[in-house]
N, C-alpha and C. Protein backbone atom coordinates (compact mmCIF):
# COMPACT_ATOMS: atom_id res chain seq x y z
N MET A 1 -36.14 -72.60 54.64
CA MET A 1 -35.64 -71.33 54.47
C MET A 1 -36.75 -70.19 54.56
N ILE A 2 -36.51 -69.51 55.81
CA ILE A 2 -37.31 -68.16 55.67
C ILE A 2 -36.76 -67.06 54.85
N ARG A 3 -37.65 -66.61 53.82
CA ARG A 3 -36.83 -65.27 53.15
C ARG A 3 -37.55 -63.74 53.87
N LEU A 4 -36.61 -63.37 54.16
CA LEU A 4 -36.74 -61.96 54.86
C LEU A 4 -36.56 -60.71 54.46
N LEU A 5 -37.42 -59.91 54.23
CA LEU A 5 -37.12 -58.36 53.54
C LEU A 5 -36.79 -57.74 55.05
N LEU A 6 -35.51 -56.85 55.38
CA LEU A 6 -34.99 -56.19 56.42
C LEU A 6 -35.18 -54.71 56.06
N VAL A 7 -36.22 -53.90 56.95
CA VAL A 7 -36.15 -52.85 57.09
C VAL A 7 -35.98 -51.89 58.16
N GLU A 8 -35.17 -51.09 58.01
CA GLU A 8 -34.64 -50.08 59.54
C GLU A 8 -34.04 -49.78 58.70
N ASN A 9 -33.94 -47.66 59.23
CA ASN A 9 -33.97 -46.70 58.59
C ASN A 9 -32.34 -46.47 59.01
N GLN A 10 -31.95 -46.74 60.30
CA GLN A 10 -30.36 -46.32 60.48
C GLN A 10 -29.54 -47.36 60.04
N PRO A 11 -28.65 -46.82 58.70
CA PRO A 11 -27.67 -47.75 58.34
C PRO A 11 -26.62 -48.59 59.73
N SER A 12 -26.16 -48.16 60.80
CA SER A 12 -25.62 -49.23 61.22
C SER A 12 -26.47 -50.21 62.12
N ILE A 13 -27.82 -50.23 62.31
CA ILE A 13 -28.50 -50.83 62.91
C ILE A 13 -29.04 -51.78 61.95
N ARG A 14 -29.18 -51.43 60.65
CA ARG A 14 -29.61 -52.62 59.75
C ARG A 14 -28.43 -53.48 59.01
N PHE A 15 -27.04 -53.05 59.44
CA PHE A 15 -25.91 -53.57 59.43
C PHE A 15 -25.79 -54.63 60.07
N GLY A 16 -26.04 -54.27 61.41
CA GLY A 16 -25.83 -55.31 62.67
C GLY A 16 -26.99 -56.02 62.43
N LEU A 17 -28.20 -55.84 62.38
CA LEU A 17 -29.01 -56.92 61.96
C LEU A 17 -28.92 -57.83 61.01
N ARG A 18 -28.29 -57.42 59.75
CA ARG A 18 -28.00 -58.33 58.99
C ARG A 18 -26.85 -59.26 58.98
N MET A 19 -26.28 -58.69 59.71
CA MET A 19 -24.75 -60.00 60.28
C MET A 19 -25.12 -60.57 61.11
N TRP A 20 -26.00 -60.44 61.82
CA TRP A 20 -26.55 -61.04 63.37
C TRP A 20 -27.67 -62.16 62.59
N LEU A 21 -28.57 -61.76 61.58
CA LEU A 21 -29.13 -62.47 60.82
C LEU A 21 -28.40 -63.42 60.32
N LYS A 22 -27.40 -63.23 59.56
CA LYS A 22 -26.89 -64.36 58.49
C LYS A 22 -26.10 -65.16 59.29
N LEU A 23 -25.80 -64.94 60.41
CA LEU A 23 -25.76 -66.58 61.39
C LEU A 23 -26.96 -67.28 61.78
N ALA A 24 -27.89 -66.82 61.59
CA ALA A 24 -29.08 -67.84 61.45
C ALA A 24 -29.23 -68.78 60.12
N GLN A 25 -29.18 -70.43 60.27
CA GLN A 25 -28.81 -71.02 59.07
C GLN A 25 -30.37 -71.16 58.51
N ASP A 26 -31.36 -71.00 58.88
CA ASP A 26 -32.59 -71.02 58.66
C ASP A 26 -33.31 -69.54 57.97
N VAL A 27 -32.78 -68.58 57.75
CA VAL A 27 -32.98 -67.17 57.55
C VAL A 27 -32.09 -66.61 56.41
N THR A 28 -32.68 -66.07 55.35
CA THR A 28 -31.79 -65.57 54.37
C THR A 28 -32.47 -64.16 54.05
N ILE A 29 -31.63 -63.17 53.70
CA ILE A 29 -32.12 -61.88 53.70
C ILE A 29 -32.23 -61.37 52.16
N VAL A 30 -33.58 -61.47 52.17
CA VAL A 30 -33.92 -61.40 50.32
C VAL A 30 -33.86 -59.96 49.58
N GLY A 31 -34.07 -58.92 50.84
CA GLY A 31 -33.67 -57.47 50.53
C GLY A 31 -33.64 -56.71 51.58
N GLU A 32 -33.56 -55.29 51.52
CA GLU A 32 -33.53 -54.53 52.73
C GLU A 32 -33.75 -53.34 52.15
N ALA A 33 -34.72 -52.24 52.72
CA ALA A 33 -35.21 -51.00 52.68
C ALA A 33 -34.64 -50.22 53.86
N GLY A 34 -34.49 -48.94 53.59
CA GLY A 34 -34.25 -47.84 54.71
C GLY A 34 -35.31 -47.05 55.19
N ASP A 35 -36.28 -47.46 54.13
CA ASP A 35 -37.56 -46.41 54.60
C ASP A 35 -39.03 -46.93 54.01
N GLY A 36 -39.97 -46.72 54.94
CA GLY A 36 -41.08 -47.53 54.49
C GLY A 36 -41.64 -47.46 53.20
N LEU A 37 -41.38 -46.35 52.25
CA LEU A 37 -41.84 -46.80 51.00
C LEU A 37 -40.89 -47.66 50.12
N ALA A 38 -39.67 -47.43 50.56
CA ALA A 38 -38.76 -48.65 49.84
C ALA A 38 -39.23 -50.01 50.09
N ALA A 39 -39.85 -50.32 51.40
CA ALA A 39 -40.14 -51.31 52.18
C ALA A 39 -41.07 -51.88 51.25
N LEU A 40 -42.35 -51.16 50.85
CA LEU A 40 -43.70 -51.36 50.30
C LEU A 40 -42.93 -52.04 48.59
N SER A 41 -42.60 -51.12 48.72
CA SER A 41 -42.20 -51.22 46.60
C SER A 41 -41.22 -53.05 46.91
N GLN A 42 -40.49 -52.69 48.05
CA GLN A 42 -39.68 -54.47 47.61
C GLN A 42 -40.41 -55.62 48.20
N ALA A 43 -41.38 -55.63 49.31
CA ALA A 43 -42.68 -56.19 49.55
C ALA A 43 -43.06 -56.87 48.40
N ALA A 44 -43.95 -56.02 47.62
CA ALA A 44 -44.56 -56.23 46.39
C ALA A 44 -43.53 -57.04 45.41
N VAL A 45 -42.35 -56.62 45.10
CA VAL A 45 -41.16 -57.29 44.26
C VAL A 45 -41.00 -58.69 44.81
N VAL A 46 -40.62 -58.62 45.95
CA VAL A 46 -39.78 -60.08 46.43
C VAL A 46 -40.38 -60.81 47.08
N GLY A 47 -41.71 -60.64 47.65
CA GLY A 47 -42.79 -61.42 48.56
C GLY A 47 -42.12 -62.26 49.58
N PRO A 48 -41.28 -61.81 50.43
CA PRO A 48 -40.99 -62.52 51.37
C PRO A 48 -41.59 -63.07 52.43
N ASP A 49 -41.42 -64.21 53.02
CA ASP A 49 -41.92 -64.54 53.92
C ASP A 49 -42.26 -63.62 55.33
N VAL A 50 -40.91 -63.02 55.70
CA VAL A 50 -40.85 -62.45 57.09
C VAL A 50 -40.65 -61.02 56.50
N ILE A 51 -41.33 -59.96 57.12
CA ILE A 51 -40.69 -58.53 57.13
C ILE A 51 -40.19 -57.76 58.20
N LEU A 52 -39.27 -57.73 58.74
CA LEU A 52 -38.81 -57.07 59.84
C LEU A 52 -38.62 -55.75 59.83
N LEU A 53 -39.54 -55.08 60.07
CA LEU A 53 -40.29 -53.73 59.98
C LEU A 53 -39.37 -53.07 61.31
N GLY A 54 -38.57 -52.36 61.43
CA GLY A 54 -38.33 -51.17 62.26
C GLY A 54 -39.21 -49.71 62.17
N ILE A 55 -40.02 -49.81 63.18
CA ILE A 55 -41.17 -48.70 62.84
C ILE A 55 -40.93 -47.42 63.02
N GLU A 56 -39.30 -47.21 63.62
CA GLU A 56 -39.00 -45.66 63.25
C GLU A 56 -38.47 -45.54 61.98
N SER A 57 -38.66 -46.43 61.04
CA SER A 57 -37.97 -46.39 59.45
C SER A 57 -38.55 -45.64 58.83
N GLY A 58 -39.47 -44.77 59.27
CA GLY A 58 -40.04 -43.24 58.54
C GLY A 58 -40.52 -43.82 57.16
N GLY A 59 -41.20 -42.52 56.91
CA GLY A 59 -41.57 -42.44 55.22
C GLY A 59 -43.01 -42.46 55.19
N MET A 60 -43.54 -43.19 56.29
CA MET A 60 -44.90 -43.20 56.35
C MET A 60 -45.57 -43.55 57.78
N ASP A 61 -46.66 -43.21 58.08
CA ASP A 61 -47.21 -43.66 59.45
C ASP A 61 -47.03 -45.16 59.62
N SER A 62 -46.77 -45.55 60.64
CA SER A 62 -46.65 -46.99 61.00
C SER A 62 -47.78 -48.17 60.49
N VAL A 63 -48.85 -47.56 61.23
CA VAL A 63 -50.36 -48.60 60.73
C VAL A 63 -50.51 -48.15 59.34
N ARG A 64 -50.58 -47.20 59.03
CA ARG A 64 -50.53 -47.30 57.54
C ARG A 64 -49.92 -47.83 56.59
N LEU A 65 -48.34 -47.93 56.72
CA LEU A 65 -47.22 -48.73 56.34
C LEU A 65 -47.66 -50.04 56.49
N ILE A 66 -48.06 -50.37 57.51
CA ILE A 66 -48.25 -51.84 57.76
C ILE A 66 -49.35 -52.66 57.07
N ARG A 67 -50.62 -51.69 56.85
CA ARG A 67 -51.72 -52.14 56.33
C ARG A 67 -51.09 -52.30 54.62
N ALA A 68 -50.53 -51.39 54.32
CA ALA A 68 -50.20 -51.19 52.78
C ALA A 68 -49.54 -52.29 52.25
N ILE A 69 -48.49 -53.05 53.63
CA ILE A 69 -47.38 -54.16 52.99
C ILE A 69 -48.36 -54.87 53.02
N ARG A 70 -49.66 -55.60 53.94
CA ARG A 70 -50.47 -56.80 53.84
C ARG A 70 -51.03 -56.63 52.63
N SER A 71 -51.69 -55.42 52.26
CA SER A 71 -52.15 -55.50 50.98
C SER A 71 -51.43 -55.82 49.57
N ALA A 72 -50.13 -55.19 49.70
CA ALA A 72 -48.91 -55.40 48.34
C ALA A 72 -48.35 -56.89 48.54
N SER A 73 -48.48 -57.36 49.83
CA SER A 73 -47.79 -59.06 49.87
C SER A 73 -48.20 -59.30 51.23
N PRO A 74 -49.51 -59.74 50.41
CA PRO A 74 -50.38 -60.61 51.98
C PRO A 74 -49.73 -61.77 52.07
N GLY A 75 -48.82 -62.63 51.67
CA GLY A 75 -48.34 -63.84 52.17
C GLY A 75 -47.24 -63.82 53.09
N SER A 76 -47.05 -62.23 53.15
CA SER A 76 -45.59 -61.82 53.96
C SER A 76 -46.28 -61.93 55.44
N ALA A 77 -45.59 -62.41 56.38
CA ALA A 77 -45.82 -61.80 58.13
C ALA A 77 -44.85 -60.60 58.28
N ILE A 78 -45.23 -59.69 59.26
CA ILE A 78 -44.49 -58.50 59.60
C ILE A 78 -44.44 -58.83 61.03
N VAL A 79 -42.83 -58.38 61.23
CA VAL A 79 -42.52 -58.74 62.73
C VAL A 79 -41.86 -57.29 63.03
N ILE A 80 -42.34 -57.08 64.10
CA ILE A 80 -41.95 -54.82 64.47
C ILE A 80 -40.82 -55.09 65.07
N LEU A 81 -40.01 -54.35 64.98
CA LEU A 81 -38.92 -53.97 66.01
C LEU A 81 -38.77 -52.57 66.40
N SER A 82 -39.20 -52.52 67.59
CA SER A 82 -39.41 -50.90 67.98
C SER A 82 -38.77 -50.81 69.14
N LEU A 83 -38.06 -49.76 69.37
CA LEU A 83 -38.03 -48.88 70.89
C LEU A 83 -38.99 -48.45 71.60
N HIS A 84 -40.22 -48.42 70.79
CA HIS A 84 -41.30 -47.95 71.24
C HIS A 84 -42.05 -49.18 72.10
N ASP A 85 -41.43 -49.45 73.19
CA ASP A 85 -42.29 -50.66 73.99
C ASP A 85 -43.15 -50.45 74.93
N ASP A 86 -44.35 -50.19 74.61
CA ASP A 86 -45.54 -49.94 75.35
C ASP A 86 -46.80 -50.47 74.61
N ALA A 87 -47.69 -50.77 75.97
CA ALA A 87 -49.02 -51.53 75.40
C ALA A 87 -49.84 -50.80 74.43
N ILE A 88 -49.92 -49.69 74.31
CA ILE A 88 -50.71 -48.97 73.35
C ILE A 88 -49.97 -48.95 71.91
N THR A 89 -48.54 -48.82 72.05
CA THR A 89 -47.93 -49.13 70.49
C THR A 89 -48.21 -50.48 70.05
N ARG A 90 -47.98 -51.52 71.00
CA ARG A 90 -48.04 -52.94 70.48
C ARG A 90 -49.20 -53.06 69.96
N LYS A 91 -50.43 -52.89 70.85
CA LYS A 91 -51.81 -53.18 70.34
C LYS A 91 -52.14 -52.51 68.90
N ARG A 92 -51.67 -51.42 68.75
CA ARG A 92 -51.99 -50.75 67.62
C ARG A 92 -51.39 -51.02 66.17
N LEU A 93 -50.17 -51.40 66.60
CA LEU A 93 -49.17 -52.43 65.26
C LEU A 93 -49.82 -53.65 64.94
N LEU A 94 -50.18 -54.38 66.21
CA LEU A 94 -50.68 -55.59 65.97
C LEU A 94 -52.19 -55.86 65.62
N ALA A 95 -52.85 -54.79 65.97
CA ALA A 95 -54.24 -54.78 65.39
C ALA A 95 -54.22 -54.31 63.57
N ALA A 96 -53.04 -53.47 63.41
CA ALA A 96 -52.95 -52.91 62.32
C ALA A 96 -52.83 -54.48 61.25
N GLY A 97 -52.45 -55.45 61.75
CA GLY A 97 -51.60 -56.51 61.02
C GLY A 97 -50.57 -57.13 61.20
N ALA A 98 -49.59 -56.62 61.77
CA ALA A 98 -48.40 -57.16 61.71
C ALA A 98 -48.41 -58.24 63.14
N ALA A 99 -47.48 -59.28 62.63
CA ALA A 99 -47.91 -60.88 63.41
C ALA A 99 -46.83 -60.86 64.60
N ALA A 100 -45.84 -59.99 64.82
CA ALA A 100 -45.50 -60.03 66.20
C ALA A 100 -44.50 -58.59 66.66
N PHE A 101 -44.35 -58.46 67.77
CA PHE A 101 -43.61 -57.16 68.24
C PHE A 101 -43.02 -57.67 68.55
N VAL A 102 -41.26 -57.16 68.72
CA VAL A 102 -40.22 -57.53 69.79
C VAL A 102 -39.57 -55.79 69.87
N SER A 103 -39.24 -55.93 71.07
CA SER A 103 -38.68 -54.55 71.89
C SER A 103 -36.91 -54.44 71.52
N LYS A 104 -36.51 -53.54 70.80
CA LYS A 104 -35.21 -53.22 70.21
C LYS A 104 -34.51 -53.64 71.52
N HIS A 105 -34.87 -53.50 73.10
CA HIS A 105 -34.00 -53.59 73.87
C HIS A 105 -33.82 -55.09 74.55
N GLU A 106 -34.71 -55.61 73.96
CA GLU A 106 -34.50 -57.02 74.09
C GLU A 106 -34.53 -58.15 72.81
N TYR A 107 -33.94 -57.76 71.79
CA TYR A 107 -34.17 -58.48 70.49
C TYR A 107 -33.56 -59.81 70.28
N GLY A 108 -32.44 -60.01 70.48
CA GLY A 108 -31.83 -61.61 70.16
C GLY A 108 -32.30 -62.73 70.14
N GLU A 109 -32.35 -63.85 71.02
CA GLU A 109 -33.29 -65.23 70.52
C GLU A 109 -34.47 -64.66 70.27
N ARG A 110 -35.28 -63.46 71.06
CA ARG A 110 -36.58 -63.63 71.04
C ARG A 110 -37.00 -62.91 69.57
N LEU A 111 -36.01 -62.45 69.01
CA LEU A 111 -36.35 -61.72 67.68
C LEU A 111 -36.47 -63.12 67.01
N LEU A 112 -35.12 -63.75 66.80
CA LEU A 112 -35.37 -65.13 66.16
C LEU A 112 -36.66 -65.86 66.28
N GLN A 113 -36.76 -65.94 67.29
CA GLN A 113 -38.38 -66.44 67.85
C GLN A 113 -39.11 -66.14 67.03
N ALA A 114 -39.71 -64.78 66.99
CA ALA A 114 -40.71 -64.33 66.53
C ALA A 114 -40.75 -64.33 64.88
N ILE A 115 -39.22 -64.25 64.45
CA ILE A 115 -39.45 -64.42 62.94
C ILE A 115 -39.85 -65.88 62.42
N ARG A 116 -39.28 -66.82 63.24
CA ARG A 116 -39.56 -68.28 62.86
C ARG A 116 -41.15 -68.49 62.93
N GLN A 117 -41.46 -67.92 64.02
CA GLN A 117 -42.99 -68.01 64.12
C GLN A 117 -43.74 -67.54 63.29
N ALA A 118 -43.13 -65.82 62.98
CA ALA A 118 -44.32 -65.55 61.98
C ALA A 118 -44.19 -65.82 60.67
N ALA A 119 -43.06 -67.02 60.23
CA ALA A 119 -42.73 -67.60 58.95
C ALA A 119 -43.91 -68.87 59.32
N ARG A 120 -44.04 -69.56 60.20
CA ARG A 120 -44.82 -70.70 60.14
C ARG A 120 -45.67 -70.71 60.95
N PRO A 121 -46.41 -69.91 60.99
CA PRO A 121 -47.90 -70.10 62.69
C PRO A 121 -48.37 -71.31 62.63
N GLU A 122 -48.24 -72.37 61.41
CA GLU A 122 -49.13 -73.41 62.00
C GLU A 122 -48.22 -74.45 62.63
N LEU A 123 -47.20 -73.95 62.90
CA LEU A 123 -45.97 -74.88 63.94
C LEU A 123 -45.98 -74.38 65.09
N HIS A 124 -46.80 -73.30 65.37
CA HIS A 124 -46.77 -72.28 66.78
C HIS A 124 -48.23 -71.84 67.04
N LYS A 125 -48.99 -73.10 67.47
CA LYS A 125 -50.19 -72.48 67.70
C LYS A 125 -50.75 -71.50 68.91
N ALA A 126 -49.69 -72.14 69.77
CA ALA A 126 -50.05 -71.63 71.13
C ALA A 126 -49.10 -70.22 71.02
N SER A 127 -49.99 -69.00 71.23
CA SER A 127 -49.42 -67.49 71.05
C SER A 127 -48.77 -67.25 72.44
N THR A 128 -47.93 -66.62 72.70
CA THR A 128 -47.04 -66.37 73.93
C THR A 128 -47.44 -65.03 73.95
N PHE A 129 -47.53 -64.12 75.23
CA PHE A 129 -47.93 -62.92 75.31
C PHE A 129 -47.29 -62.75 76.84
N ASP A 130 -46.11 -62.09 76.49
CA ASP A 130 -45.35 -61.11 77.72
C ASP A 130 -45.08 -60.17 77.24
N SER A 131 -44.11 -59.06 78.30
CA SER A 131 -44.08 -57.68 78.24
C SER A 131 -43.15 -57.46 76.78
N HIS A 132 -42.54 -58.38 76.22
CA HIS A 132 -41.60 -58.20 74.90
C HIS A 132 -41.79 -58.14 73.85
N THR A 133 -42.33 -59.70 73.52
CA THR A 133 -42.55 -60.10 72.27
C THR A 133 -44.26 -60.56 72.47
N ILE A 134 -45.07 -60.05 71.62
CA ILE A 134 -46.42 -60.45 71.32
C ILE A 134 -46.82 -60.88 70.07
N HIS A 135 -47.52 -62.03 70.03
CA HIS A 135 -47.72 -62.64 68.38
C HIS A 135 -49.01 -62.67 68.23
N ASN A 136 -49.38 -62.31 67.10
CA ASN A 136 -50.88 -61.96 66.40
C ASN A 136 -50.97 -63.08 65.66
N PRO A 137 -51.89 -64.11 65.53
CA PRO A 137 -52.28 -64.82 64.79
C PRO A 137 -52.74 -64.40 63.30
N ILE A 138 -52.18 -64.95 62.22
CA ILE A 138 -52.50 -64.00 61.10
C ILE A 138 -53.32 -64.76 60.25
C-alpha cells in the first residue's frame, strides 16, 4: 500500500483529488495539508511514501519547500502537480529533489502512474520523459 500525503491549497481540488485517489486500491491517504508549512510538518510526522504536492499550495517558495520536505522526510518521494507546465519550472523542481512532475491539465492515469513509480522506483528503472510527466530518479 502506498502511503500518500496530499498537499493542495484549493479545498475543492484537494477534495476531488482525495475522492479520485480513494478509488486506487494501492493508495491510502495518510494526511492532508493546505499549504507548504503544514505539508512540511505533516511530512515529518507521518513519513509518507509519496507526497503529492500542488506547487501552488503557497506558504513557501516551491524549491525551498521541496528541499525542506526532502530533509524532514528523506524517505518520501515528492510528485509535483502543477498548472505551470513549462520546461523551466519542471527542470527547477526536479533539480530541487522532486521525483516526478505531472501537469494538472493531464493528471488522470498519468498521475497515478507517477505516484506508483515514485513509491517504488526499483520497479521502474526506465524513466519516461514526455511533455507532461517527467520522472527524476531519487
